Amino acid sequence: MLNVKEYVKPNKVEEAYEIGQMPNAFYVSGGLMVAQLKISKVEHLIDLKSLGYEGIEDQGKEIKIGANTKISALMSDKILLLYGQPFRDALKEIGSMQIRNMATVGGSIAFKLGWSDLTTIFMTLNSKVEFYDGSFRKESLEAYLVGNHKGAIITSLYVPKPSGFWAFEKFSKSTFDIATLKLGIKIDIKGKKIKDARIVVGSRPMISERQEEVENFLIGKELNQMIDKVGDQIEKIVKCGTDIRASAEYRKALSKALLTKAMRRVEDESRVNGQR
């Protein structure tokens, strides 16, 4: 039952944050999470849309994405074309068109949900989060996900300009179902060898997590020689849990399959660009 006692639409982030410290206060931008949570517990609804923080800017070495930017806007933006077809394909996998037209970048990250595709995608791309919690701060997305940021307001996301090759894979029972497991990989190649690697697994079902031990296993090796070997590594190392969608063991097996598939995509892309 609706129990909102106050609806406010502040124009300054400082004002929004101050109201957000009240008991049972809730930030809203796209509004999807309000629909899913027990709205009866929300007494102070704080609409963040008037704060601005919307749009995409090229800032030289990185791209700034406002927290109120809709996911659908990411798909059509000319600046983000730099990330190529894998980026657009990954975004198409996020829910339905209606969801993409409502969901915002900030909302997709702020709740630190294990099933957020956007979190896995941008963590793979080594993004940083800017947020306000009494002062403006910026930290890596992976640090933000494990930190205590109660009441903080995400203002922007910063994504480094693309280098190397990357891929995103996920497994779900149907097109619009929450993924059983998802995986992102980014690889930089020098000569024939892997210079740097980032591997992120989401829907474990816990929050997205880097697989640094597997990354280190790849560095210094030739890409084509690792495709059929790296899957065994991640299956042993990745930490997964059990829920109504799948057991931990099943998710571990999926991680092997998804990583192998992603590695093949990266190899194909590197071959096209003459770096294999």
C-alpha atoms as a PDB file:
ATOM      1  CA  MET A   1       0.000   0.000   0.000  1.00  0.00           C
ATOM      2  CA  LEU A   2       1.294   3.459  -0.901  1.00  0.00           C
ATOM      3  CA  ASN A   3       2.547   5.253   2.222  1.00  0.00           C
ATOM      4  CA  VAL A   4       4.571   8.156   0.828  1.00  0.00           C
ATOM      5  CA  LYS A   5       4.218  11.188   3.118  1.00  0.00           C
ATOM      6  CA  GLU A   6       6.524  13.478   1.191  1.00  0.00           C
ATOM      7  CA  TYR A   7       7.526  13.739  -2.464  1.00  0.00           C
ATOM      8  CA  VAL A   8      10.364  16.159  -3.172  1.00  0.00           C
ATOM      9  CA  LYS A   9      12.188  17.143  -6.337  1.00  0.00           C
ATOM     10  CA  PRO A  10      15.337  18.986  -5.228  1.00  0.00           C
ATOM     11  CA  ASN A  11      17.489  20.981  -7.650  1.00  0.00           C
ATOM     12  CA  LYS A  12      20.768  20.496  -5.793  1.00  0.00           C
ATOM     13  CA  VAL A  13      22.487  17.252  -4.882  1.00  0.00           C
ATOM     14  CA  GLU A  14      23.343  18.598  -1.417  1.00  0.00           C
ATOM     15  CA  GLU A  15      19.642  19.111  -0.669  1.00  0.00           C
ATOM     16  CA  ALA A  16      18.738  15.679  -2.027  1.00  0.00           C
ATOM     17  CA  TYR A  17      21.404  14.042   0.122  1.00  0.00           C
ATOM     18  CA  GLU A  18      20.245  15.847   3.270  1.00  0.00           C
ATOM     19  CA  ILE A  19      16.663  14.649   2.795  1.00  0.00           C
ATOM     20  CA  GLY A  20      17.967  11.179   1.957  1.00  0.00           C
ATOM     21  CA  GLN A  21      19.382  10.809   5.458  1.00  0.00           C
ATOM     22  CA  MET A  22      15.856  10.758   6.933  1.00  0.00           C
ATOM     23  CA  PRO A  23      14.425   7.367   7.980  1.00  0.00           C
ATOM     24  CA  ASN A  24      12.547   5.535   5.222  1.00  0.00           C
ATOM     25  CA  ALA A  25      13.768   7.939   2.524  1.00  0.00           C
ATOM     26  CA  PHE A  26      14.193   6.612  -0.997  1.00  0.00           C
ATOM     27  CA  TYR A  27      15.856   8.049  -4.108  1.00  0.00           C
ATOM     28  CA  VAL A  28      14.107   7.614  -7.444  1.00  0.00           C
ATOM     29  CA  SER A  29      15.114   8.403 -11.015  1.00  0.00           C
ATOM     30  CA  GLY A  30      13.923   5.752 -13.454  1.00  0.00           C
ATOM     31  CA  GLY A  31      11.470   4.369 -10.884  1.00  0.00           C
ATOM     32  CA  LEU A  32      11.923   0.654 -11.558  1.00  0.00           C
ATOM     33  CA  MET A  33      13.163  -0.228  -8.070  1.00  0.00           C
ATOM     34  CA  VAL A  34      10.250   1.565  -6.411  1.00  0.00           C
ATOM     35  CA  ALA A  35       7.920  -0.725  -8.315  1.00  0.00           C
ATOM     36  CA  GLN A  36       9.781  -3.821  -7.091  1.00  0.00           C
ATOM     37  CA  LEU A  37      10.300  -2.925  -3.428  1.00  0.00           C
ATOM     38  CA  LYS A  38       7.764  -2.740  -0.606  1.00  0.00           C
ATOM     39  CA  ILE A  39       6.604   0.787  -1.230  1.00  0.00           C
ATOM     40  CA  SER A  40       4.780   0.888   2.128  1.00  0.00           C
ATOM     41  CA  LYS A  41       8.147   1.379   3.833  1.00  0.00           C
ATOM     42  CA  VAL A  42       8.964   4.497   1.781  1.00  0.00           C
ATOM     43  CA  GLU A  43       7.837   7.711   3.468  1.00  0.00           C
ATOM     44  CA  HIS A  44      10.070  10.264   1.727  1.00  0.00           C
ATOM     45  CA  LEU A  45      10.397   9.891  -2.044  1.00  0.00           C
ATOM     46  CA  ILE A  46      13.253  11.953  -3.499  1.00  0.00           C
ATOM     47  CA  ASP A  47      13.118  12.489  -7.263  1.00  0.00           C
ATOM     48  CA  LEU A  48      16.653  12.963  -8.616  1.00  0.00           C
ATOM     49  CA  LYS A  49      15.760  13.873 -12.194  1.00  0.00           C
ATOM     50  CA  SER A  50      15.935  17.647 -11.580  1.00  0.00           C
ATOM     51  CA  LEU A  51      19.562  17.369 -10.476  1.00  0.00           C
ATOM     52  CA  GLY A  52      20.699  17.002 -14.070  1.00  0.00           C
ATOM     53  CA  TYR A  53      23.528  14.457 -14.360  1.00  0.00           C
ATOM     54  CA  GLU A  54      22.178  13.256 -17.681  1.00  0.00           C
ATOM     55  CA  GLY A  55      23.996  12.812 -20.956  1.00  0.00           C
ATOM     56  CA  ILE A  56      27.292  11.515 -22.321  1.00  0.00           C
ATOM     57  CA  GLU A  57      30.470  13.584 -22.731  1.00  0.00           C
ATOM     58  CA  ASP A  58      33.835  12.886 -24.349  1.00  0.00           C
ATOM     59  CA  GLN A  59      36.459  14.099 -21.865  1.00  0.00           C
ATOM     60  CA  GLY A  60      39.576  13.053 -23.712  1.00  0.00           C
ATOM     61  CA  LYS A  61      40.941   9.900 -22.075  1.00  0.00           C
ATOM     62  CA  GLU A  62      37.565   8.897 -20.677  1.00  0.00           C
ATOM     63  CA  ILE A  63      33.849   9.195 -21.297  1.00  0.00           C
ATOM     64  CA  LYS A  64      31.552  10.694 -18.683  1.00  0.00           C
ATOM     65  CA  ILE A  65      28.035   9.263 -18.373  1.00  0.00           C
ATOM     66  CA  GLY A  66      25.507  11.057 -16.174  1.00  0.00           C
ATOM     67  CA  ALA A  67      23.757   8.899 -13.588  1.00  0.00           C
ATOM     68  CA  ASN A  68      20.293   9.878 -14.876  1.00  0.00           C
ATOM     69  CA  THR A  69      21.109   8.739 -18.409  1.00  0.00           C
ATOM     70  CA  LYS A  70      18.756   6.005 -19.625  1.00  0.00           C
ATOM     71  CA  ILE A  71      20.196   2.682 -20.798  1.00  0.00           C
ATOM     72  CA  SER A  72      18.471   3.170 -24.157  1.00  0.00           C
ATOM     73  CA  ALA A  73      20.480   6.390 -24.646  1.00  0.00           C
ATOM     74  CA  LEU A  74      23.728   4.426 -24.336  1.00  0.00           C
ATOM     75  CA  MET A  75      22.742   2.298 -27.305  1.00  0.00           C
ATOM     76  CA  SER A  76      22.345   5.196 -29.730  1.00  0.00           C
ATOM     77  CA  ASP A  77      25.043   7.594 -28.557  1.00  0.00           C
ATOM     78  CA  LYS A  78      27.714   8.352 -31.173  1.00  0.00           C
ATOM     79  CA  ILE A  79      30.515   8.715 -28.608  1.00  0.00           C
ATOM     80  CA  LEU A  80      29.899   5.218 -27.256  1.00  0.00           C
ATOM     81  CA  LEU A  81      30.210   3.777 -30.758  1.00  0.00           C
ATOM     82  CA  LEU A  82      33.921   3.689 -29.862  1.00  0.00           C
ATOM     83  CA  TYR A  83      33.223   0.520 -27.875  1.00  0.00           C
ATOM     84  CA  GLY A  84      32.011  -1.251 -30.991  1.00  0.00           C
ATOM     85  CA  GLN A  85      29.384  -3.861 -31.660  1.00  0.00           C
ATOM     86  CA  PRO A  86      30.086  -5.945 -28.507  1.00  0.00           C
ATOM     87  CA  PHE A  87      28.955  -2.981 -26.378  1.00  0.00           C
ATOM     88  CA  ARG A  88      25.702  -2.476 -28.283  1.00  0.00           C
ATOM     89  CA  ASP A  89      25.011  -6.214 -28.306  1.00  0.00           C
ATOM     90  CA  ALA A  90      25.520  -6.380 -24.524  1.00  0.00           C
ATOM     91  CA  LEU A  91      23.088  -3.512 -23.937  1.00  0.00           C
ATOM     92  CA  LYS A  92      20.464  -5.202 -26.100  1.00  0.00           C
ATOM     93  CA  GLU A  93      20.534  -8.100 -23.651  1.00  0.00           C
ATOM     94  CA  ILE A  94      19.348  -5.877 -20.781  1.00  0.00           C
ATOM     95  CA  GLY A  95      15.651  -6.583 -20.276  1.00  0.00           C
ATOM     96  CA  SER A  96      13.013  -5.333 -22.679  1.00  0.00           C
ATOM     97  CA  MET A  97      12.958  -2.071 -24.628  1.00  0.00           C
ATOM     98  CA  GLN A  98      10.511  -0.688 -22.058  1.00  0.00           C
ATOM     99  CA  ILE A  99      12.943  -1.422 -19.234  1.00  0.00           C
ATOM    100  CA  ARG A 100      15.859   0.129 -21.137  1.00  0.00           C
ATOM    101  CA  ASN A 101      13.773   3.266 -21.729  1.00  0.00           C
ATOM    102  CA  MET A 102      13.125   3.615 -17.978  1.00  0.00           C
ATOM    103  CA  ALA A 103      16.228   2.283 -16.210  1.00  0.00           C
ATOM    104  CA  THR A 104      19.067   4.711 -15.503  1.00  0.00           C
ATOM    105  CA  VAL A 105      22.791   4.105 -15.266  1.00  0.00           C
ATOM    106  CA  GLY A 106      22.931   5.317 -11.661  1.00  0.00           C
ATOM    107  CA  GLY A 107      19.966   3.255 -10.526  1.00  0.00           C
ATOM    108  CA  SER A 108      21.392   0.127 -12.144  1.00  0.00           C
ATOM    109  CA  ILE A 109      24.571   0.503 -10.098  1.00  0.00           C
ATOM    110  CA  ALA A 110      23.416   2.099  -6.832  1.00  0.00           C
ATOM    111  CA  PHE A 111      21.520  -0.911  -5.495  1.00  0.00           C
ATOM    112  CA  LYS A 112      24.544  -3.190  -5.937  1.00  0.00           C
ATOM    113  CA  LEU A 113      22.433  -6.018  -7.309  1.00  0.00           C
ATOM    114  CA  GLY A 114      24.131  -9.224  -8.376  1.00  0.00           C
ATOM    115  CA  TRP A 115      21.968  -9.530 -11.478  1.00  0.00           C
ATOM    116  CA  SER A 116      22.749  -6.076 -12.917  1.00  0.00           C
ATOM    117  CA  ASP A 117      24.134  -6.497 -16.440  1.00  0.00           C
ATOM    118  CA  LEU A 118      25.298  -2.895 -16.493  1.00  0.00           C
ATOM    119  CA  THR A 119      27.457  -3.404 -13.408  1.00  0.00           C
ATOM    120  CA  THR A 120      29.257  -6.343 -14.998  1.00  0.00           C
ATOM    121  CA  ILE A 121      29.709  -4.509 -18.310  1.00  0.00           C
ATOM    122  CA  PHE A 122      31.141  -1.312 -16.827  1.00  0.00           C
ATOM    123  CA  MET A 123      33.271  -3.146 -14.278  1.00  0.00           C
ATOM    124  CA  THR A 124      34.829  -5.094 -17.147  1.00  0.00           C
ATOM    125  CA  LEU A 125      35.624  -1.766 -18.827  1.00  0.00           C
ATOM    126  CA  ASN A 126      37.402  -0.564 -15.641  1.00  0.00           C
ATOM    127  CA  SER A 127      34.959   2.259 -14.913  1.00  0.00           C
ATOM    128  CA  LYS A 128      34.895   4.690 -11.989  1.00  0.00           C
ATOM    129  CA  VAL A 129      31.904   6.010 -10.054  1.00  0.00           C
ATOM    130  CA  GLU A 130      31.489   9.600  -8.903  1.00  0.00           C
ATOM    131  CA  PHE A 131      29.099  10.052  -5.989  1.00  0.00           C
ATOM    132  CA  TYR A 132      28.073  12.537  -3.324  1.00  0.00           C
ATOM    133  CA  ASP A 133      27.955  11.578   0.352  1.00  0.00           C
ATOM    134  CA  GLY A 134      28.527  14.970   1.925  1.00  0.00           C
ATOM    135  CA  SER A 135      31.297  15.692  -0.575  1.00  0.00           C
ATOM    136  CA  PHE A 136      31.994  14.579  -4.128  1.00  0.00           C
ATOM    137  CA  ARG A 137      34.169  11.486  -4.367  1.00  0.00           C
ATOM    138  CA  LYS A 138      35.283   9.137  -7.121  1.00  0.00           C
ATOM    139  CA  GLU A 139      36.393   5.522  -6.850  1.00  0.00           C
ATOM    140  CA  SER A 140      36.566   2.411  -8.992  1.00  0.00           C
ATOM    141  CA  LEU A 141      33.300   0.625  -9.613  1.00  0.00           C
ATOM    142  CA  GLU A 142      34.646  -2.550  -8.040  1.00  0.00           C
ATOM    143  CA  ALA A 143      35.577  -0.639  -4.858  1.00  0.00           C
ATOM    144  CA  TYR A 144      32.182   1.064  -4.801  1.00  0.00           C
ATOM    145  CA  LEU A 145      30.338  -2.255  -4.982  1.00  0.00           C
ATOM    146  CA  VAL A 146      31.958  -3.594  -1.816  1.00  0.00           C
ATOM    147  CA  GLY A 147      32.011  -0.302   0.100  1.00  0.00           C
ATOM    148  CA  ASN A 148      29.502   1.201   2.520  1.00  0.00           C
ATOM    149  CA  HIS A 149      27.718   4.006   0.674  1.00  0.00           C
ATOM    150  CA  LYS A 150      24.361   4.163   2.402  1.00  0.00           C
ATOM    151  CA  GLY A 151      22.547   7.329   1.395  1.00  0.00           C
ATOM    152  CA  ALA A 152      25.123   8.293  -1.246  1.00  0.00           C
ATOM    153  CA  ILE A 153      23.945   9.681  -4.578  1.00  0.00           C
ATOM    154  CA  ILE A 154      25.707   8.523  -7.733  1.00  0.00           C
ATOM    155  CA  THR A 155      26.261  11.481 -10.060  1.00  0.00           C
ATOM    156  CA  SER A 156      28.353  10.114 -12.930  1.00  0.00           C
ATOM    157  CA  LEU A 157      30.190   7.130 -14.333  1.00  0.00           C
ATOM    158  CA  TYR A 158      33.600   7.494 -15.979  1.00  0.00           C
ATOM    159  CA  VAL A 159      34.623   4.928 -18.578  1.00  0.00           C
ATOM    160  CA  PRO A 160      38.163   4.817 -20.033  1.00  0.00           C
ATOM    161  CA  LYS A 161      38.458   5.127 -23.801  1.00  0.00           C
ATOM    162  CA  PRO A 162      38.530   1.619 -25.301  1.00  0.00           C
ATOM    163  CA  SER A 163      41.744  -0.321 -25.765  1.00  0.00           C
ATOM    164  CA  GLY A 164      42.245  -3.967 -26.621  1.00  0.00           C
ATOM    165  CA  PHE A 165      39.285  -6.276 -27.146  1.00  0.00           C
ATOM    166  CA  TRP A 166      36.356  -7.261 -24.973  1.00  0.00           C
ATOM    167  CA  ALA A 167      33.285  -9.491 -24.892  1.00  0.00           C
ATOM    168  CA  PHE A 168      30.220 -10.016 -22.727  1.00  0.00           C
ATOM    169  CA  GLU A 169      28.331 -13.293 -22.365  1.00  0.00           C
ATOM    170  CA  LYS A 170      25.418 -14.375 -20.227  1.00  0.00           C
ATOM    171  CA  PHE A 171      23.119 -17.331 -19.750  1.00  0.00           C
ATOM    172  CA  SER A 172      19.439 -17.000 -18.864  1.00  0.00           C
ATOM    173  CA  LYS A 173      16.434 -19.261 -19.279  1.00  0.00           C
ATOM    174  CA  SER A 174      14.603 -16.743 -21.452  1.00  0.00           C
ATOM    175  CA  THR A 175      15.358 -13.432 -23.166  1.00  0.00           C
ATOM    176  CA  PHE A 176      13.956 -11.220 -20.398  1.00  0.00           C
ATOM    177  CA  ASP A 177      14.732 -13.441 -17.402  1.00  0.00           C
ATOM    178  CA  ILE A 178      17.388 -12.537 -14.848  1.00  0.00           C
ATOM    179  CA  ALA A 179      20.643 -14.176 -15.891  1.00  0.00           C
ATOM    180  CA  THR A 180      21.798 -17.337 -14.168  1.00  0.00           C
ATOM    181  CA  LEU A 181      25.367 -16.168 -14.777  1.00  0.00           C
ATOM    182  CA  LYS A 182      27.096 -13.468 -16.798  1.00  0.00           C
ATOM    183  CA  LEU A 183      30.715 -12.770 -17.664  1.00  0.00           C
ATOM    184  CA  GLY A 184      32.732  -9.940 -19.154  1.00  0.00           C
ATOM    185  CA  ILE A 185      36.312 -10.079 -20.398  1.00  0.00           C
ATOM    186  CA  LYS A 186      38.715  -7.419 -21.654  1.00  0.00           C
ATOM    187  CA  ILE A 187      42.112  -8.277 -23.084  1.00  0.00           C
ATOM    188  CA  ASP A 188      45.011  -6.140 -24.295  1.00  0.00           C
ATOM    189  CA  ILE A 189      47.464  -7.839 -26.621  1.00  0.00           C
ATOM    190  CA  LYS A 190      51.071  -6.898 -27.394  1.00  0.00           C
ATOM    191  CA  GLY A 191      52.563  -8.916 -30.198  1.00  0.00           C
ATOM    192  CA  LYS A 192      50.911 -12.288 -29.801  1.00  0.00           C
ATOM    193  CA  LYS A 193      50.855 -12.262 -26.013  1.00  0.00           C
ATOM    194  CA  ILE A 194      48.272 -11.037 -23.532  1.00  0.00           C
ATOM    195  CA  LYS A 195      49.542  -7.845 -21.918  1.00  0.00           C
ATOM    196  CA  ASP A 196      46.596  -7.231 -19.597  1.00  0.00           C
ATOM    197  CA  ALA A 197      43.290  -8.918 -18.770  1.00  0.00           C
ATOM    198  CA  ARG A 198      40.103  -8.193 -16.814  1.00  0.00           C
ATOM    199  CA  ILE A 199      37.518 -10.867 -16.136  1.00  0.00           C
ATOM    200  CA  VAL A 200      34.294 -10.104 -14.257  1.00  0.00           C
ATOM    201  CA  VAL A 201      31.575 -12.576 -13.268  1.00  0.00           C
ATOM    202  CA  GLY A 202      28.077 -11.422 -12.278  1.00  0.00           C
ATOM    203  CA  SER A 203      24.857 -13.128 -11.148  1.00  0.00           C
ATOM    204  CA  ARG A 204      26.922 -15.507  -9.039  1.00  0.00           C
ATOM    205  CA  PRO A 205      24.204 -14.674  -7.625  1.00  0.00           C
ATOM    206  CA  MET A 206      26.200 -12.203  -5.529  1.00  0.00           C
ATOM    207  CA  ILE A 207      27.506  -8.863  -6.841  1.00  0.00           C
ATOM    208  CA  SER A 208      29.871  -8.822  -9.809  1.00  0.00           C
ATOM    209  CA  GLU A 209      33.432  -9.764  -8.926  1.00  0.00           C
ATOM    210  CA  ARG A 210      36.768  -9.660 -10.723  1.00  0.00           C
ATOM    211  CA  GLN A 211      38.643 -12.919 -11.173  1.00  0.00           C
ATOM    212  CA  GLU A 212      42.172 -11.643 -10.639  1.00  0.00           C
ATOM    213  CA  GLU A 213      43.748 -15.060 -10.233  1.00  0.00           C
ATOM    214  CA  VAL A 214      42.473 -16.070 -13.662  1.00  0.00           C
ATOM    215  CA  GLU A 215      43.588 -12.727 -15.113  1.00  0.00           C
ATOM    216  CA  ASN A 216      47.125 -13.322 -13.842  1.00  0.00           C
ATOM    217  CA  PHE A 217      47.053 -16.820 -15.341  1.00  0.00           C
ATOM    218  CA  LEU A 218      46.455 -15.289 -18.778  1.00  0.00           C
ATOM    219  CA  ILE A 219      49.038 -12.495 -18.718  1.00  0.00           C
ATOM    220  CA  GLY A 220      52.123 -13.281 -20.777  1.00  0.00           C
ATOM    221  CA  LYS A 221      50.446 -16.152 -22.600  1.00  0.00           C
ATOM    222  CA  GLU A 222      49.358 -16.356 -26.247  1.00  0.00           C
ATOM    223  CA  LEU A 223      45.618 -15.856 -26.634  1.00  0.00           C
ATOM    224  CA  ASN A 224      44.960 -18.762 -28.985  1.00  0.00           C
ATOM    225  CA  GLN A 225      46.763 -21.168 -26.664  1.00  0.00           C
ATOM    226  CA  MET A 226      44.640 -20.213 -23.657  1.00  0.00           C
ATOM    227  CA  ILE A 227      41.137 -20.578 -25.081  1.00  0.00           C
ATOM    228  CA  ASP A 228      40.778 -24.257 -24.175  1.00  0.00           C
ATOM    229  CA  LYS A 229      42.733 -23.990 -20.908  1.00  0.00           C
ATOM    230  CA  VAL A 230      41.440 -20.929 -19.072  1.00  0.00           C
ATOM    231  CA  GLY A 231      37.947 -22.366 -18.577  1.00  0.00           C
ATOM    232  CA  ASP A 232      39.266 -25.007 -16.168  1.00  0.00           C
ATOM    233  CA  GLN A 233      40.956 -22.271 -14.152  1.00  0.00           C
ATOM    234  CA  ILE A 234      37.864 -20.151 -13.623  1.00  0.00           C
ATOM    235  CA  GLU A 235      35.700 -23.164 -12.789  1.00  0.00           C
ATOM    236  CA  LYS A 236      38.047 -23.976  -9.909  1.00  0.00           C
ATOM    237  CA  ILE A 237      38.406 -20.414  -8.639  1.00  0.00           C
ATOM    238  CA  VAL A 238      35.139 -18.501  -9.113  1.00  0.00           C
ATOM    239  CA  LYS A 239      32.999 -18.143  -5.983  1.00  0.00           C
ATOM    240  CA  CYS A 240      29.332 -18.875  -6.622  1.00  0.00           C
ATOM    241  CA  GLY A 241      26.226 -19.453  -4.534  1.00  0.00           C
ATOM    242  CA  THR A 242      22.980 -21.384  -4.831  1.00  0.00           C
ATOM    243  CA  ASP A 243      19.526 -19.861  -5.305  1.00  0.00           C
ATOM    244  CA  ILE A 244      16.248 -20.744  -7.033  1.00  0.00           C
ATOM    245  CA  ARG A 245      17.855 -20.332 -10.453  1.00  0.00           C
ATOM    246  CA  ALA A 246      20.862 -22.610 -10.117  1.00  0.00           C
ATOM    247  CA  SER A 247      23.265 -24.372  -7.798  1.00  0.00           C
ATOM    248  CA  ALA A 248      26.767 -23.115  -7.119  1.00  0.00           C
ATOM    249  CA  GLU A 249      28.203 -26.095  -9.008  1.00  0.00           C
ATOM    250  CA  TYR A 250      26.072 -25.360 -12.073  1.00  0.00           C
ATOM    251  CA  ARG A 251      27.199 -21.738 -12.068  1.00  0.00           C
ATOM    252  CA  LYS A 252      30.829 -22.805 -11.876  1.00  0.00           C
ATOM    253  CA  ALA A 253      30.327 -25.013 -14.928  1.00  0.00           C
ATOM    254  CA  LEU A 254      28.633 -22.109 -16.707  1.00  0.00           C
ATOM    255  CA  SER A 255      31.591 -19.835 -15.942  1.00  0.00           C
ATOM    256  CA  LYS A 256      33.848 -22.209 -17.861  1.00  0.00           C
ATOM    257  CA  ALA A 257      31.519 -22.288 -20.865  1.00  0.00           C
ATOM    258  CA  LEU A 258      30.958 -18.511 -20.917  1.00  0.00           C
ATOM    259  CA  LEU A 259      34.644 -17.672 -20.548  1.00  0.00           C
ATOM    260  CA  THR A 260      35.606 -20.053 -23.345  1.00  0.00           C
ATOM    261  CA  LYS A 261      32.950 -18.488 -25.596  1.00  0.00           C
ATOM    262  CA  ALA A 262      34.083 -14.965 -24.696  1.00  0.00           C
ATOM    263  CA  MET A 263      37.720 -15.846 -25.376  1.00  0.00           C
ATOM    264  CA  ARG A 264      36.767 -17.101 -28.841  1.00  0.00           C
ATOM    265  CA  ARG A 265      34.971 -13.820 -29.537  1.00  0.00           C
ATOM    266  CA  VAL A 266      38.039 -11.870 -28.464  1.00  0.00           C
ATOM    267  CA  GLU A 267      40.246 -14.045 -30.665  1.00  0.00           C
ATOM    268  CA  ASP A 268      37.980 -13.449 -33.670  1.00  0.00           C
ATOM    269  CA  GLU A 269      38.047  -9.696 -33.064  1.00  0.00           C
ATOM    270  CA  SER A 270      41.823  -9.628 -32.660  1.00  0.00           C
ATOM    271  CA  ARG A 271      42.224 -11.596 -35.879  1.00  0.00           C
ATOM    272  CA  VAL A 272      40.081  -9.096 -37.771  1.00  0.00           C
ATOM    273  CA  ASN A 273      42.237  -6.269 -36.418  1.00  0.00           C
ATOM    274  CA  GLY A 274      45.492  -8.034 -37.177  1.00  0.00           C
ATOM    275  CA  GLN A 275      46.674  -8.498 -33.595  1.00  0.00           C
ATOM    276  CA  ARG A 276      46.692 -12.260 -33.382  1.00  0.00           C
END
